[in-house]
């Protein structure tokens, strides 16, 4: 589960680095023959689109099916997401306000009280550029509000009963988020993101043979990733990228494959030393990313925005540009979280697990 959480935050950062890099190669699609830069960047943009989906599935896998009281659930969960959101919104909002005043960041038009109030409203609502990922906070807050209802249902249901719900969830993935066609029956109660939460619980505990086969998991990942790349090349133009919704059927197939692969990875019987050493660099890194994941989610885009501002269009090759944004923002986020997590009391409000 820690490894999945670490991968999820890596995917989130990668997709935001992609979003800032893709326009450099948008014209490198002639007909349906893309350049190598276009292929690499667009493959990244589709393949790493699973970050939020993984977080939702982890929420279901770790929280559903347990006999907890609603009061205890809210008392435990709400402070863990609300306090870091408020802390980083206010702190980063203030920092970017100062950067706008003393530097050339144009996050606010004027510095009167009304403009400043509107600016912070934009921060909290995820409208300001560096705060764009904050939509996740409002989404996960809504998930936590409905989760006790689903938990009661799951506690009194067999795993096969969940297939009824997941069947209609797949229909919404296909019609609402892939084809863009409204299904004749309104299925809003089955749609994502709550569908992914239920899916995470189901995949964790299911004993179905095919869903516990590591090669089937690999097939789902490879098939969906390659098909998304091909369809992107077909439907994109030299002025527009075709991207898949995070709740679309192909992204859902990929995230199912990733979840199942991590669940059944031990079946490969790989004897890789750096994987198995508990005190090794790899496992320590995975644990750190998992532990700081929520805080990293809230701050990484601020580093990306600063980098984009100062790098500008400096002629850096597009793929290298994307890699720089990803690596620097990831490292800076981890360092900030690691330092602040050692400060008493502050470590309770920065998003440390």
Protein backbone atom coordinates (compact mmCIF):
# COMPACT_ATOMS: atom_id res chain seq x y z
CA UNK A 1 0.00 0.00 0.00
CA UNK A 2 2.89 2.38 0.72
CA UNK A 3 4.38 1.56 -2.68
CA UNK A 4 1.06 2.33 -4.38
CA UNK A 5 0.77 5.61 -2.49
CA UNK A 6 4.33 6.53 -3.50
CA UNK A 7 3.57 5.70 -7.13
CA UNK A 8 0.36 7.74 -6.96
CA UNK A 9 2.16 10.94 -5.89
CA UNK A 10 4.86 10.36 -8.52
CA UNK A 11 2.12 10.11 -11.16
CA UNK A 12 0.45 13.31 -9.92
CA UNK A 13 3.70 15.29 -10.17
CA UNK A 14 4.52 13.74 -13.56
CA UNK A 15 1.13 14.70 -15.05
CA UNK A 16 1.55 18.31 -13.95
CA UNK A 17 5.08 18.41 -15.37
CA UNK A 18 3.60 17.03 -18.60
CA UNK A 19 0.89 19.71 -18.65
CA UNK A 20 3.59 22.42 -18.63
CA UNK A 21 5.66 20.72 -21.36
CA UNK A 22 3.19 19.45 -23.93
CA UNK A 23 2.71 22.75 -25.76
CA UNK A 24 6.37 22.64 -26.83
CA UNK A 25 5.62 19.61 -29.04
CA UNK A 26 2.02 20.30 -30.02
CA UNK A 27 3.07 21.20 -33.57
CA UNK A 28 5.20 18.05 -33.96
CA UNK A 29 2.25 16.00 -35.17
CA UNK A 30 2.09 15.89 -38.96
CA UNK A 31 -1.02 14.00 -39.97
CA UNK A 32 -0.94 10.95 -37.73
CA UNK A 33 2.87 10.71 -37.69
CA UNK A 34 4.13 12.21 -34.42
CA UNK A 35 7.74 13.02 -33.60
CA UNK A 36 9.68 11.09 -30.97
CA UNK A 37 9.34 14.03 -28.55
CA UNK A 38 5.58 14.02 -29.12
CA UNK A 39 5.36 10.27 -28.47
CA UNK A 40 7.38 10.42 -25.25
CA UNK A 41 5.53 13.40 -23.81
CA UNK A 42 2.05 12.26 -24.80
CA UNK A 43 2.74 8.70 -23.62
CA UNK A 44 3.72 10.21 -20.26
CA UNK A 45 0.61 12.38 -20.25
CA UNK A 46 -1.67 9.39 -20.67
CA UNK A 47 0.20 6.75 -18.67
CA UNK A 48 0.72 8.91 -15.58
CA UNK A 49 -2.91 10.00 -15.50
CA UNK A 50 -3.68 7.38 -12.82
CA UNK A 51 -2.40 9.23 -9.74
CA UNK A 52 -5.73 10.47 -8.37
CA UNK A 53 -7.40 7.16 -9.27
CA UNK A 54 -4.81 5.29 -7.21
CA UNK A 55 -5.37 7.56 -4.21
CA UNK A 56 -9.12 6.91 -4.42
CA UNK A 57 -8.65 3.15 -4.68
CA UNK A 58 -6.30 3.22 -1.70
CA UNK A 59 -8.93 5.08 0.32
CA UNK A 60 -11.39 2.28 -0.36
CA UNK A 61 -8.91 -0.52 0.14
CA UNK A 62 -7.78 0.81 3.52
CA UNK A 63 -11.03 2.24 4.94
CA UNK A 64 -13.99 0.25 3.67
CA UNK A 65 -15.18 -3.02 5.18
CA UNK A 66 -14.05 -2.10 8.68
CA UNK A 67 -16.36 -1.80 11.66
CA UNK A 68 -15.65 1.80 12.61
CA UNK A 69 -17.99 4.35 14.10
CA UNK A 70 -18.88 7.40 12.06
CA UNK A 71 -17.77 9.78 14.79
CA UNK A 72 -14.35 8.13 15.07
CA UNK A 73 -13.96 8.10 11.29
CA UNK A 74 -14.59 11.81 10.93
CA UNK A 75 -12.50 12.68 13.99
CA UNK A 76 -9.56 10.80 12.49
CA UNK A 77 -9.90 11.62 8.80
CA UNK A 78 -11.05 15.23 8.68
CA UNK A 79 -8.15 16.83 10.58
CA UNK A 80 -5.68 14.90 8.42
CA UNK A 81 -6.94 16.53 5.23
CA UNK A 82 -8.37 19.87 6.45
CA UNK A 83 -5.47 21.19 8.55
CA UNK A 84 -2.77 20.67 5.87
CA UNK A 85 -5.04 22.17 3.22
CA UNK A 86 -5.61 25.32 5.29
CA UNK A 87 -1.96 25.57 6.33
CA UNK A 88 -0.49 25.30 2.84
CA UNK A 89 -3.23 27.40 1.20
CA UNK A 90 -2.53 30.29 3.55
CA UNK A 91 1.27 29.93 3.54
CA UNK A 92 1.74 29.41 -0.20
CA UNK A 93 -0.94 31.97 -0.98
CA UNK A 94 0.96 34.53 1.08
CA UNK A 95 4.31 33.61 -0.52
CA UNK A 96 2.96 33.99 -4.06
CA UNK A 97 1.27 37.23 -3.07
CA UNK A 98 4.65 38.57 -1.95
CA UNK A 99 6.29 37.25 -5.12
CA UNK A 100 3.69 39.11 -7.13
CA UNK A 101 4.38 42.31 -5.19
CA UNK A 102 8.19 42.17 -5.28
CA UNK A 103 8.72 40.18 -8.48
CA UNK A 104 6.96 39.62 -11.80
CA UNK A 105 4.45 36.95 -10.69
CA UNK A 106 1.05 38.12 -11.89
CA UNK A 107 -1.21 36.25 -9.49
CA UNK A 108 -3.17 39.37 -8.53
CA UNK A 109 -4.08 42.52 -10.42
CA UNK A 110 -4.03 44.97 -7.48
CA UNK A 111 -3.38 44.87 -3.75
CA UNK A 112 -6.56 46.33 -2.28
CA UNK A 113 -8.48 44.29 0.29
CA UNK A 114 -11.16 43.12 -2.13
CA UNK A 115 -8.59 41.87 -4.65
CA UNK A 116 -6.61 40.10 -1.93
CA UNK A 117 -9.79 38.47 -0.59
CA UNK A 118 -10.73 37.31 -4.11
CA UNK A 119 -7.19 36.05 -4.61
CA UNK A 120 -7.29 33.86 -1.49
CA UNK A 121 -10.73 32.65 -2.49
CA UNK A 122 -9.13 31.56 -5.78
CA UNK A 123 -6.40 29.78 -3.83
CA UNK A 124 -8.85 27.83 -1.69
CA UNK A 125 -11.00 26.96 -4.69
CA UNK A 126 -8.03 25.84 -6.81
CA UNK A 127 -8.40 28.62 -9.38
CA UNK A 128 -4.94 30.21 -9.02
CA UNK A 129 -2.29 28.35 -11.04
CA UNK A 130 -0.12 27.04 -8.21
CA UNK A 131 -3.27 25.88 -6.36
CA UNK A 132 -4.87 24.03 -9.30
CA UNK A 133 -4.43 20.59 -7.62
CA UNK A 134 -6.55 21.78 -4.67
CA UNK A 135 -9.69 20.55 -6.41
CA UNK A 136 -8.62 17.18 -4.99
CA UNK A 137 -9.24 18.39 -1.43
CA UNK A 138 -12.87 19.24 -2.14
CA UNK A 139 -13.37 15.98 -4.01
CA UNK A 140 -11.88 13.78 -1.27
CA UNK A 141 -13.85 15.72 1.35
CA UNK A 142 -17.04 14.74 -0.45
CA UNK A 143 -15.85 11.14 -0.65
CA UNK A 144 -15.32 11.03 3.12
CA UNK A 145 -18.83 12.39 3.67
CA UNK A 146 -20.43 9.54 1.69
CA UNK A 147 -17.99 6.79 2.71
CA UNK A 148 -19.82 5.81 5.96
CA UNK A 149 -22.94 5.04 3.91
CA UNK A 150 -21.02 2.78 1.54
CA UNK A 151 -19.14 1.17 4.42
CA UNK A 152 -22.41 0.08 6.08
CA UNK A 153 -23.52 -1.46 2.80
CA UNK A 154 -20.22 -3.28 2.28
CA UNK A 155 -20.17 -4.63 5.84
CA UNK A 156 -23.49 -6.37 5.15
CA UNK A 157 -22.66 -7.53 1.63
CA UNK A 158 -20.65 -10.29 0.00
CA UNK A 159 -17.86 -9.39 -2.40
CA UNK A 160 -19.98 -10.62 -5.31
CA UNK A 161 -22.66 -8.09 -4.37
CA UNK A 162 -20.15 -5.34 -5.16
CA UNK A 163 -20.01 -6.55 -8.76
CA UNK A 164 -23.52 -5.21 -9.25
CA UNK A 165 -22.30 -1.72 -8.35
CA UNK A 166 -19.03 -2.04 -10.29
CA UNK A 167 -20.86 -3.19 -13.43
CA UNK A 168 -22.80 0.07 -13.63
CA UNK A 169 -19.67 2.00 -12.64
CA UNK A 170 -17.94 0.59 -15.74
CA UNK A 171 -20.88 1.71 -17.87
CA UNK A 172 -20.43 5.28 -16.61
CA UNK A 173 -16.68 5.06 -17.35
CA UNK A 174 -17.48 4.06 -20.93
CA UNK A 175 -20.37 6.41 -21.70
CA UNK A 176 -19.89 9.48 -19.51
CA UNK A 177 -16.09 9.74 -19.46
CA UNK A 178 -14.94 8.03 -22.67
CA UNK A 179 -17.57 8.36 -25.36
CA UNK A 180 -19.06 11.54 -23.93
CA UNK A 181 -22.55 10.16 -24.51
CA UNK A 182 -25.15 10.22 -21.77
CA UNK A 183 -26.45 6.74 -20.95
CA UNK A 184 -30.27 6.53 -21.30
CA UNK A 185 -30.56 5.66 -17.58
CA UNK A 186 -29.13 8.22 -15.15
CA UNK A 187 -26.35 6.44 -13.28
CA UNK A 188 -24.89 9.32 -11.31
CA UNK A 189 -24.93 7.28 -8.08
CA UNK A 190 -22.55 4.72 -9.61
CA UNK A 191 -20.05 7.09 -11.17
CA UNK A 192 -16.50 7.91 -10.16
CA UNK A 193 -14.87 8.97 -7.94
CA UNK A 194 -16.87 6.82 -5.46
CA UNK A 195 -16.73 3.97 -7.98
CA UNK A 196 -12.95 3.84 -7.68
CA UNK A 197 -13.21 3.77 -3.88
CA UNK A 198 -15.45 0.69 -4.02
CA UNK A 199 -13.20 -0.83 -6.69
CA UNK A 200 -10.15 -0.48 -4.46
CA UNK A 201 -11.83 -2.45 -1.68
CA UNK A 202 -13.06 -5.12 -4.09
CA UNK A 203 -9.69 -5.66 -5.80
CA UNK A 204 -7.88 -5.88 -2.49
CA UNK A 205 -10.01 -8.76 -1.20
CA UNK A 206 -11.27 -10.56 -4.30
CA UNK A 207 -10.13 -14.15 -4.80
CA UNK A 208 -11.07 -14.38 -8.47
CA UNK A 209 -8.25 -16.15 -10.29
CA UNK A 210 -7.93 -13.71 -13.19
CA UNK A 211 -7.78 -10.74 -10.81
CA UNK A 212 -4.97 -12.40 -8.91
CA UNK A 213 -2.88 -13.13 -11.99
CA UNK A 214 0.19 -10.94 -12.35
CA UNK A 215 0.37 -11.42 -16.12
CA UNK A 216 -3.22 -10.29 -16.59
CA UNK A 217 -2.29 -7.16 -14.63
CA UNK A 218 0.64 -6.53 -16.97
CA UNK A 219 -1.62 -7.05 -19.99
CA UNK A 220 -4.09 -4.42 -18.73
CA UNK A 221 -1.31 -1.88 -18.19
CA UNK A 222 0.43 -2.43 -21.54
CA UNK A 223 -2.75 -2.71 -23.61
CA UNK A 224 -4.42 0.40 -22.16
CA UNK A 225 -1.23 2.52 -22.29
CA UNK A 226 -0.47 1.68 -25.93
CA UNK A 227 -4.09 2.09 -27.02
CA UNK A 228 -4.28 5.51 -25.36
CA UNK A 229 -1.12 6.56 -27.20
CA UNK A 230 -2.49 5.38 -30.56
CA UNK A 231 -5.86 7.06 -30.03
CA UNK A 232 -4.13 10.25 -28.90
CA UNK A 233 -2.16 10.33 -32.15
CA UNK A 234 -5.32 9.74 -34.18
CA UNK A 235 -7.52 12.34 -32.48
CA UNK A 236 -4.92 15.02 -31.70
CA UNK A 237 -4.14 17.84 -34.11
CA UNK A 238 -1.24 20.25 -34.46
CA UNK A 239 -3.18 22.72 -32.29
CA UNK A 240 -4.89 20.40 -29.81
CA UNK A 241 -3.90 17.41 -27.67
CA UNK A 242 -6.43 14.64 -27.20
CA UNK A 243 -6.30 13.58 -23.56
CA UNK A 244 -8.30 10.97 -21.69
CA UNK A 245 -10.45 11.79 -18.69
CA UNK A 246 -9.05 10.32 -15.47
CA UNK A 247 -12.29 8.35 -15.08
CA UNK A 248 -12.37 7.04 -18.66
CA UNK A 249 -12.46 3.33 -19.41
CA UNK A 250 -8.85 3.02 -20.58
CA UNK A 251 -7.42 4.92 -17.62
CA UNK A 252 -9.57 2.74 -15.36
CA UNK A 253 -8.18 -0.38 -17.04
CA UNK A 254 -4.65 0.84 -16.47
CA UNK A 255 -5.19 1.69 -12.80
CA UNK A 256 -6.82 -1.71 -12.23
CA UNK A 257 -3.76 -3.32 -13.80
CA UNK A 258 -1.36 -1.31 -11.64
CA UNK A 259 -3.26 -2.11 -8.44
CA UNK A 260 -3.37 -5.83 -9.28
CA UNK A 261 0.29 -5.85 -10.30
CA UNK A 262 1.38 -4.46 -6.94
CA UNK A 263 -0.95 -6.85 -5.14
CA UNK A 264 0.47 -9.90 -6.96
CA UNK A 265 4.04 -8.75 -7.61
CA UNK A 266 5.46 -11.33 -5.20
CA UNK A 267 4.31 -14.08 -7.59
CA UNK A 268 7.10 -13.17 -10.02
CA UNK A 269 9.56 -14.56 -7.45
CA UNK A 270 12.11 -11.91 -8.37
CA UNK A 271 15.17 -11.86 -6.15
CA UNK A 272 16.10 -8.19 -6.42
CA UNK A 273 18.23 -7.11 -3.50
CA UNK A 274 17.35 -3.42 -3.28
CA UNK A 275 13.63 -4.32 -3.25
CA UNK A 276 13.92 -6.68 -0.33
CA UNK A 277 16.22 -4.78 2.06
CA UNK A 278 13.95 -3.00 4.61
CA UNK A 279 16.67 -0.47 5.46
CA UNK A 280 17.77 0.02 1.85
CA UNK A 281 17.54 3.27 -0.08
CA UNK A 282 14.63 2.07 -2.23
CA UNK A 283 12.36 1.10 0.65
CA UNK A 284 13.25 4.21 2.63
CA UNK A 285 12.41 6.35 -0.40
CA UNK A 286 9.09 4.58 -0.92
CA UNK A 287 8.19 5.02 2.74
CA UNK A 288 9.12 8.73 2.66
CA UNK A 289 7.02 9.38 -0.45
CA UNK A 290 4.08 7.51 1.05
CA UNK A 291 4.41 9.28 4.39
CA UNK A 292 4.62 12.76 2.87
CA UNK A 293 2.28 12.12 -0.07
CA UNK A 294 -0.58 14.43 0.93
CA UNK A 295 1.75 17.29 1.79
CA UNK A 296 3.64 16.78 -1.46
CA UNK A 297 0.32 16.83 -3.31
CA UNK A 298 -0.45 20.26 -1.85
CA UNK A 299 2.93 21.92 -2.50
CA UNK A 300 4.56 20.36 -5.57
CA UNK A 301 2.72 22.50 -8.11
CA UNK A 302 4.01 25.66 -6.43
CA UNK A 303 7.56 24.54 -7.26
CA UNK A 304 6.53 23.71 -10.82
CA UNK A 305 5.01 27.17 -11.28
CA UNK A 306 8.18 28.85 -9.98
CA UNK A 307 10.34 26.73 -12.29
CA UNK A 308 8.16 27.46 -15.32
CA UNK A 309 8.26 31.18 -14.51
CA UNK A 310 12.04 31.39 -14.30
CA UNK A 311 12.92 28.84 -16.98
CA UNK A 312 10.52 30.31 -19.51
CA UNK A 313 11.01 29.27 -23.13
CA UNK A 314 14.79 28.82 -22.89
CA UNK A 315 15.15 26.35 -25.73
CA UNK A 316 15.48 23.33 -23.45
CA UNK A 317 14.45 20.14 -25.31
CA UNK A 318 10.80 19.36 -24.41
CA UNK A 319 11.44 15.95 -22.86
CA UNK A 320 14.33 17.30 -20.78
CA UNK A 321 12.15 20.25 -19.77
CA UNK A 322 9.47 17.86 -18.50
CA UNK A 323 12.06 15.78 -16.63
CA UNK A 324 13.55 18.88 -14.97
CA UNK A 325 10.13 20.04 -13.79
CA UNK A 326 9.37 16.59 -12.42
CA UNK A 327 12.68 15.90 -10.66
CA UNK A 328 13.20 19.36 -9.16
CA UNK A 329 9.62 19.74 -7.91
CA UNK A 330 9.67 16.22 -6.44
CA UNK A 331 12.99 16.71 -4.66
CA UNK A 332 12.08 20.16 -3.35
CA UNK A 333 8.73 18.91 -2.07
CA UNK A 334 10.30 15.94 -0.28
CA UNK A 335 13.02 18.11 1.28
CA UNK A 336 10.50 20.69 2.53
CA UNK A 337 8.28 17.97 4.01
CA UNK A 338 11.23 16.14 5.58
CA UNK A 339 12.49 19.33 7.26
CA UNK A 340 9.12 20.56 8.49
CA UNK A 341 8.09 17.10 9.74
CA UNK A 342 10.85 17.35 12.34
CA UNK A 343 9.39 20.49 13.90
CA UNK A 344 7.09 19.73 16.87
CA UNK A 345 3.41 20.68 16.42
CA UNK A 346 4.06 21.84 12.85
CA UNK A 347 4.36 18.21 11.77
CA UNK A 348 0.68 17.78 12.61
CA UNK A 349 -0.56 20.24 10.02
CA UNK A 350 1.67 19.80 6.97
CA UNK A 351 0.26 16.52 5.59
CA UNK A 352 2.43 13.81 7.14
CA UNK A 353 0.86 10.36 7.42
